[in-house]
Amino acid sequence: MARTQGSHSDITGPRVREAALRLFARHGYAAVSMRRIAAEVGVQAGALYNYTPDKQTLLFSLLQGHMAELLDALDAAQQSGPALARLERFVHFHIGFHLNRPDAVFISYMELRNLEPAHFQVIEGLRRTYEDRLEDILRAGRAEGVFDMADTKIATLGLIAMLTGVTTWYRPGGRLSADEVAGVYWDMVRRAVAA
């Protein structure tokens, strides 16, 4: 199949992913057709299949890519030292990473239900890996006597939900900078774990 004139795989492939991410976040996975993604990119619908076998694979690829990028960035940012310092770094990391990716965060939560079971299992495993990193910090803090919580798993899930929620309301240029928002969230997290 011939490429559309001016189409280059190293340019068009990322544009397909960006368009799909944006459209899935705005309209929902179920409401977005491959034809609509193609129109957004400026290629014929059939050309999309040079970049993905189907819409399900495209969604899975977006979610998997987001989680892989998140875990790689966390590995680069973390993690040694006392639990309190590690938790503060985690809070600042989580907010900084997610504020720059609101569409990816949105579909990572809202479109999980549209994954086929095998794809869901992979994404759930990656999410669990990320959650385990925070829970390890909370367990260490409890062992050090600086954190006090009844259940580290529930605390982990609650903290991640709170931290991730910032992407639903934060807007650049608002009353507080991203660093100031992260500082406020750090204070709330610190109080929540009774540090």
C-alpha atoms as a PDB file:
ATOM      1  CA  MET A   1       0.000   0.000   0.000  1.00  0.00           C
ATOM      2  CA  ALA A   2       1.408   3.359  -0.940  1.00  0.00           C
ATOM      3  CA  ARG A   3       1.863   6.022   1.685  1.00  0.00           C
ATOM      4  CA  THR A   4      -0.015   9.269   1.539  1.00  0.00           C
ATOM      5  CA  GLN A   5       2.288  11.841  -0.022  1.00  0.00           C
ATOM      6  CA  GLY A   6       4.272  13.595   2.697  1.00  0.00           C
ATOM      7  CA  SER A   7       3.670  10.778   5.190  1.00  0.00           C
ATOM      8  CA  HIS A   8       6.701   9.503   7.096  1.00  0.00           C
ATOM      9  CA  SER A   9       6.439   6.674   9.621  1.00  0.00           C
ATOM     10  CA  ASP A  10       8.669   8.410  12.171  1.00  0.00           C
ATOM     11  CA  ILE A  11       6.385  11.457  12.023  1.00  0.00           C
ATOM     12  CA  THR A  12       2.986   9.926  11.335  1.00  0.00           C
ATOM     13  CA  GLY A  13       3.236   7.140  13.942  1.00  0.00           C
ATOM     14  CA  PRO A  14       3.639   9.557  16.860  1.00  0.00           C
ATOM     15  CA  ARG A  15       0.945  11.806  15.387  1.00  0.00           C
ATOM     16  CA  VAL A  16      -1.462   8.839  15.318  1.00  0.00           C
ATOM     17  CA  ARG A  17      -0.743   8.161  18.994  1.00  0.00           C
ATOM     18  CA  GLU A  18      -1.096  11.841  19.962  1.00  0.00           C
ATOM     19  CA  ALA A  19      -4.372  12.184  18.065  1.00  0.00           C
ATOM     20  CA  ALA A  20      -5.786   8.990  19.557  1.00  0.00           C
ATOM     21  CA  LEU A  21      -4.780  10.064  23.057  1.00  0.00           C
ATOM     22  CA  ARG A  22      -6.373  13.488  22.638  1.00  0.00           C
ATOM     23  CA  LEU A  23      -9.572  12.113  21.068  1.00  0.00           C
ATOM     24  CA  PHE A  24      -9.970   9.279  23.597  1.00  0.00           C
ATOM     25  CA  ALA A  25      -9.554  11.782  26.438  1.00  0.00           C
ATOM     26  CA  ARG A  26     -12.059  14.263  24.963  1.00  0.00           C
ATOM     27  CA  HIS A  27     -14.730  11.943  23.587  1.00  0.00           C
ATOM     28  CA  GLY A  28     -14.113   8.514  25.092  1.00  0.00           C
ATOM     29  CA  TYR A  29     -12.680   5.409  23.495  1.00  0.00           C
ATOM     30  CA  ALA A  30     -16.061   4.012  22.410  1.00  0.00           C
ATOM     31  CA  ALA A  31     -17.054   7.227  20.595  1.00  0.00           C
ATOM     32  CA  VAL A  32     -13.834   7.559  18.578  1.00  0.00           C
ATOM     33  CA  SER A  33     -13.499   5.648  15.325  1.00  0.00           C
ATOM     34  CA  MET A  34     -10.328   4.845  13.451  1.00  0.00           C
ATOM     35  CA  ARG A  35     -11.698   7.033  10.659  1.00  0.00           C
ATOM     36  CA  ARG A  36     -11.898   9.976  13.088  1.00  0.00           C
ATOM     37  CA  ILE A  37      -8.318   9.419  14.233  1.00  0.00           C
ATOM     38  CA  ALA A  38      -7.199   9.302  10.592  1.00  0.00           C
ATOM     39  CA  ALA A  39      -9.014  12.557   9.833  1.00  0.00           C
ATOM     40  CA  GLU A  40      -7.341  14.213  12.830  1.00  0.00           C
ATOM     41  CA  VAL A  41      -3.918  13.104  11.594  1.00  0.00           C
ATOM     42  CA  GLY A  42      -4.677  13.940   7.970  1.00  0.00           C
ATOM     43  CA  VAL A  43      -4.283  10.462   6.505  1.00  0.00           C
ATOM     44  CA  GLN A  44      -6.694   7.978   4.980  1.00  0.00           C
ATOM     45  CA  ALA A  45      -8.298   5.552   7.424  1.00  0.00           C
ATOM     46  CA  GLY A  46      -6.558   2.574   5.835  1.00  0.00           C
ATOM     47  CA  ALA A  47      -3.173   4.191   6.468  1.00  0.00           C
ATOM     48  CA  LEU A  48      -3.662   3.880  10.237  1.00  0.00           C
ATOM     49  CA  TYR A  49      -3.208   0.136   9.957  1.00  0.00           C
ATOM     50  CA  ASN A  50       0.423   0.754   9.059  1.00  0.00           C
ATOM     51  CA  TYR A  51       0.820   1.927  12.685  1.00  0.00           C
ATOM     52  CA  THR A  52      -1.583  -0.274  14.657  1.00  0.00           C
ATOM     53  CA  PRO A  53      -3.564  -3.416  13.875  1.00  0.00           C
ATOM     54  CA  ASP A  54      -6.754  -2.067  15.510  1.00  0.00           C
ATOM     55  CA  LYS A  55      -8.216   0.459  17.944  1.00  0.00           C
ATOM     56  CA  GLN A  56      -7.945  -1.905  20.945  1.00  0.00           C
ATOM     57  CA  THR A  57      -4.222  -2.362  20.355  1.00  0.00           C
ATOM     58  CA  LEU A  58      -3.841   1.395  20.032  1.00  0.00           C
ATOM     59  CA  LEU A  59      -5.543   1.991  23.401  1.00  0.00           C
ATOM     60  CA  PHE A  60      -3.449  -0.718  25.037  1.00  0.00           C
ATOM     61  CA  SER A  61      -0.281   0.743  23.543  1.00  0.00           C
ATOM     62  CA  LEU A  62      -1.121   4.202  24.915  1.00  0.00           C
ATOM     63  CA  LEU A  63      -1.822   2.883  28.413  1.00  0.00           C
ATOM     64  CA  GLN A  64       1.214   0.608  28.433  1.00  0.00           C
ATOM     65  CA  GLY A  65       3.448   3.404  27.153  1.00  0.00           C
ATOM     66  CA  HIS A  66       2.222   5.753  29.866  1.00  0.00           C
ATOM     67  CA  MET A  67       2.906   3.208  32.604  1.00  0.00           C
ATOM     68  CA  ALA A  68       6.329   2.277  31.219  1.00  0.00           C
ATOM     69  CA  GLU A  69       7.306   5.954  31.046  1.00  0.00           C
ATOM     70  CA  LEU A  70       6.039   6.477  34.606  1.00  0.00           C
ATOM     71  CA  LEU A  71       7.994   3.529  36.021  1.00  0.00           C
ATOM     72  CA  ASP A  72      11.171   4.476  34.124  1.00  0.00           C
ATOM     73  CA  ALA A  73      10.946   8.056  35.393  1.00  0.00           C
ATOM     74  CA  LEU A  74      10.353   6.845  38.946  1.00  0.00           C
ATOM     75  CA  ASP A  75      13.402   4.583  38.721  1.00  0.00           C
ATOM     76  CA  ALA A  76      15.486   7.556  37.593  1.00  0.00           C
ATOM     77  CA  ALA A  77      14.159   9.766  40.405  1.00  0.00           C
ATOM     78  CA  GLN A  78      14.263   7.412  43.346  1.00  0.00           C
ATOM     79  CA  GLN A  79      14.776   6.061  46.031  1.00  0.00           C
ATOM     80  CA  SER A  80      17.091   5.795  48.980  1.00  0.00           C
ATOM     81  CA  GLY A  81      17.293   7.355  52.393  1.00  0.00           C
ATOM     82  CA  PRO A  82      14.832   7.658  55.248  1.00  0.00           C
ATOM     83  CA  ALA A  83      11.181   6.952  54.501  1.00  0.00           C
ATOM     84  CA  LEU A  84      10.033  10.505  55.185  1.00  0.00           C
ATOM     85  CA  ALA A  85      12.433  11.938  52.586  1.00  0.00           C
ATOM     86  CA  ARG A  86      11.517   9.189  50.116  1.00  0.00           C
ATOM     87  CA  LEU A  87       7.815   9.919  50.568  1.00  0.00           C
ATOM     88  CA  GLU A  88       8.342  13.628  49.968  1.00  0.00           C
ATOM     89  CA  ARG A  89      10.284  12.874  46.767  1.00  0.00           C
ATOM     90  CA  PHE A  90       7.522  10.489  45.664  1.00  0.00           C
ATOM     91  CA  VAL A  91       4.825  13.146  46.164  1.00  0.00           C
ATOM     92  CA  HIS A  92       6.752  15.770  44.203  1.00  0.00           C
ATOM     93  CA  PHE A  93       7.624  13.245  41.501  1.00  0.00           C
ATOM     94  CA  HIS A  94       4.038  11.996  41.128  1.00  0.00           C
ATOM     95  CA  ILE A  95       2.549  15.457  40.829  1.00  0.00           C
ATOM     96  CA  GLY A  96       5.270  16.758  38.516  1.00  0.00           C
ATOM     97  CA  PHE A  97       5.025  13.765  36.211  1.00  0.00           C
ATOM     98  CA  HIS A  98       1.240  13.690  36.000  1.00  0.00           C
ATOM     99  CA  LEU A  99       0.578  17.430  35.656  1.00  0.00           C
ATOM    100  CA  ASN A 100       2.303  17.360  32.269  1.00  0.00           C
ATOM    101  CA  ARG A 101       0.184  14.436  31.023  1.00  0.00           C
ATOM    102  CA  PRO A 102      -3.487  15.102  31.867  1.00  0.00           C
ATOM    103  CA  ASP A 103      -4.866  13.255  28.825  1.00  0.00           C
ATOM    104  CA  ALA A 104      -2.745  10.170  29.485  1.00  0.00           C
ATOM    105  CA  VAL A 105      -3.779  10.180  33.144  1.00  0.00           C
ATOM    106  CA  PHE A 106      -7.441  10.578  32.232  1.00  0.00           C
ATOM    107  CA  ILE A 107      -7.547   7.653  29.823  1.00  0.00           C
ATOM    108  CA  SER A 108      -5.381   5.548  32.153  1.00  0.00           C
ATOM    109  CA  TYR A 109      -8.209   5.655  34.668  1.00  0.00           C
ATOM    110  CA  MET A 110     -11.344   6.122  32.596  1.00  0.00           C
ATOM    111  CA  GLU A 111     -10.649   3.766  29.711  1.00  0.00           C
ATOM    112  CA  LEU A 112      -9.389   0.732  31.623  1.00  0.00           C
ATOM    113  CA  ARG A 113     -12.892  -0.697  31.340  1.00  0.00           C
ATOM    114  CA  ASN A 114     -12.496  -0.837  27.551  1.00  0.00           C
ATOM    115  CA  LEU A 115      -9.424  -3.064  27.600  1.00  0.00           C
ATOM    116  CA  GLU A 116      -9.750  -6.697  26.656  1.00  0.00           C
ATOM    117  CA  PRO A 117      -9.026  -8.974  29.659  1.00  0.00           C
ATOM    118  CA  ALA A 118      -5.459  -9.870  28.632  1.00  0.00           C
ATOM    119  CA  HIS A 119      -4.589  -6.215  28.060  1.00  0.00           C
ATOM    120  CA  PHE A 120      -6.267  -5.202  31.321  1.00  0.00           C
ATOM    121  CA  GLN A 121      -4.172  -7.757  33.198  1.00  0.00           C
ATOM    122  CA  VAL A 122      -0.937  -6.277  31.834  1.00  0.00           C
ATOM    123  CA  ILE A 123      -1.899  -2.691  32.726  1.00  0.00           C
ATOM    124  CA  GLU A 124      -3.157  -3.749  36.142  1.00  0.00           C
ATOM    125  CA  GLY A 125       0.220  -5.417  36.770  1.00  0.00           C
ATOM    126  CA  LEU A 126       2.105  -2.246  35.828  1.00  0.00           C
ATOM    127  CA  ARG A 127      -0.149  -0.162  38.062  1.00  0.00           C
ATOM    128  CA  ARG A 128       0.423  -2.587  40.917  1.00  0.00           C
ATOM    129  CA  THR A 129       4.183  -2.227  40.423  1.00  0.00           C
ATOM    130  CA  TYR A 130       3.847   1.549  40.823  1.00  0.00           C
ATOM    131  CA  GLU A 131       1.576   1.196  43.860  1.00  0.00           C
ATOM    132  CA  ASP A 132       4.047  -1.243  45.432  1.00  0.00           C
ATOM    133  CA  ARG A 133       6.778   1.405  45.266  1.00  0.00           C
ATOM    134  CA  LEU A 134       4.696   3.758  47.399  1.00  0.00           C
ATOM    135  CA  GLU A 135       3.585   0.993  49.722  1.00  0.00           C
ATOM    136  CA  ASP A 136       7.236   0.014  50.279  1.00  0.00           C
ATOM    137  CA  ILE A 137       7.910   3.592  51.411  1.00  0.00           C
ATOM    138  CA  LEU A 138       4.933   3.517  53.772  1.00  0.00           C
ATOM    139  CA  ARG A 139       5.983   0.173  55.255  1.00  0.00           C
ATOM    140  CA  ALA A 140       9.520   1.459  55.753  1.00  0.00           C
ATOM    141  CA  GLY A 141       8.182   4.571  57.482  1.00  0.00           C
ATOM    142  CA  ARG A 142       6.018   2.479  59.761  1.00  0.00           C
ATOM    143  CA  ALA A 143       9.032   0.305  60.617  1.00  0.00           C
ATOM    144  CA  GLU A 144      11.073   3.461  61.317  1.00  0.00           C
ATOM    145  CA  GLY A 145       8.307   4.710  63.603  1.00  0.00           C
ATOM    146  CA  VAL A 146       7.660   7.880  61.588  1.00  0.00           C
ATOM    147  CA  PHE A 147       4.379   6.806  59.908  1.00  0.00           C
ATOM    148  CA  ASP A 148       1.266   5.569  61.647  1.00  0.00           C
ATOM    149  CA  MET A 149      -1.478   3.919  59.604  1.00  0.00           C
ATOM    150  CA  ALA A 150      -3.727   0.922  60.089  1.00  0.00           C
ATOM    151  CA  ASP A 151      -3.310  -0.497  56.575  1.00  0.00           C
ATOM    152  CA  THR A 152      -0.503   0.408  54.183  1.00  0.00           C
ATOM    153  CA  LYS A 153      -2.358  -0.892  51.094  1.00  0.00           C
ATOM    154  CA  ILE A 154      -5.437   1.282  51.740  1.00  0.00           C
ATOM    155  CA  ALA A 155      -3.184   4.241  52.556  1.00  0.00           C
ATOM    156  CA  THR A 156      -1.307   3.672  49.287  1.00  0.00           C
ATOM    157  CA  LEU A 157      -4.445   3.606  47.165  1.00  0.00           C
ATOM    158  CA  GLY A 158      -5.903   6.625  48.961  1.00  0.00           C
ATOM    159  CA  LEU A 159      -2.737   8.679  48.558  1.00  0.00           C
ATOM    160  CA  ILE A 160      -2.377   7.849  44.866  1.00  0.00           C
ATOM    161  CA  ALA A 161      -6.016   8.793  44.252  1.00  0.00           C
ATOM    162  CA  MET A 162      -5.515  12.093  46.060  1.00  0.00           C
ATOM    163  CA  LEU A 163      -2.277  12.908  44.250  1.00  0.00           C
ATOM    164  CA  THR A 164      -3.573  11.954  40.825  1.00  0.00           C
ATOM    165  CA  GLY A 165      -6.715  14.037  41.325  1.00  0.00           C
ATOM    166  CA  VAL A 166      -4.650  17.198  40.894  1.00  0.00           C
ATOM    167  CA  THR A 167      -4.755  16.678  37.117  1.00  0.00           C
ATOM    168  CA  THR A 168      -8.521  17.247  37.063  1.00  0.00           C
ATOM    169  CA  TRP A 169      -8.366  20.814  38.341  1.00  0.00           C
ATOM    170  CA  TYR A 170      -4.836  22.222  38.013  1.00  0.00           C
ATOM    171  CA  ARG A 171      -4.283  24.748  35.242  1.00  0.00           C
ATOM    172  CA  PRO A 172      -0.924  26.343  34.421  1.00  0.00           C
ATOM    173  CA  GLY A 173      -0.988  30.050  35.121  1.00  0.00           C
ATOM    174  CA  GLY A 174      -3.407  29.615  38.018  1.00  0.00           C
ATOM    175  CA  ARG A 175      -3.107  30.999  41.517  1.00  0.00           C
ATOM    176  CA  LEU A 176      -0.356  28.547  42.535  1.00  0.00           C
ATOM    177  CA  SER A 177       2.610  27.216  40.592  1.00  0.00           C
ATOM    178  CA  ALA A 178       3.046  23.473  40.121  1.00  0.00           C
ATOM    179  CA  ASP A 179       5.796  23.496  42.776  1.00  0.00           C
ATOM    180  CA  GLU A 180       3.542  25.316  45.237  1.00  0.00           C
ATOM    181  CA  VAL A 181       0.723  22.848  44.584  1.00  0.00           C
ATOM    182  CA  ALA A 182       3.139  19.957  45.164  1.00  0.00           C
ATOM    183  CA  GLY A 183       4.176  21.582  48.450  1.00  0.00           C
ATOM    184  CA  VAL A 184       0.561  21.811  49.609  1.00  0.00           C
ATOM    185  CA  TYR A 185      -0.028  18.191  48.640  1.00  0.00           C
ATOM    186  CA  TRP A 186       3.133  17.144  50.464  1.00  0.00           C
ATOM    187  CA  ASP A 187       1.829  18.806  53.621  1.00  0.00           C
ATOM    188  CA  MET A 188      -1.494  16.952  53.281  1.00  0.00           C
ATOM    189  CA  VAL A 189       0.247  13.616  52.666  1.00  0.00           C
ATOM    190  CA  ARG A 190       2.597  14.123  55.608  1.00  0.00           C
ATOM    191  CA  ARG A 191      -0.360  14.786  57.903  1.00  0.00           C
ATOM    192  CA  ALA A 192      -2.289  11.825  56.478  1.00  0.00           C
ATOM    193  CA  VAL A 193       0.452   9.382  57.409  1.00  0.00           C
ATOM    194  CA  ALA A 194       1.025  11.114  60.764  1.00  0.00           C
ATOM    195  CA  ALA A 195       4.665  11.866  60.062  1.00  0.00           C
END
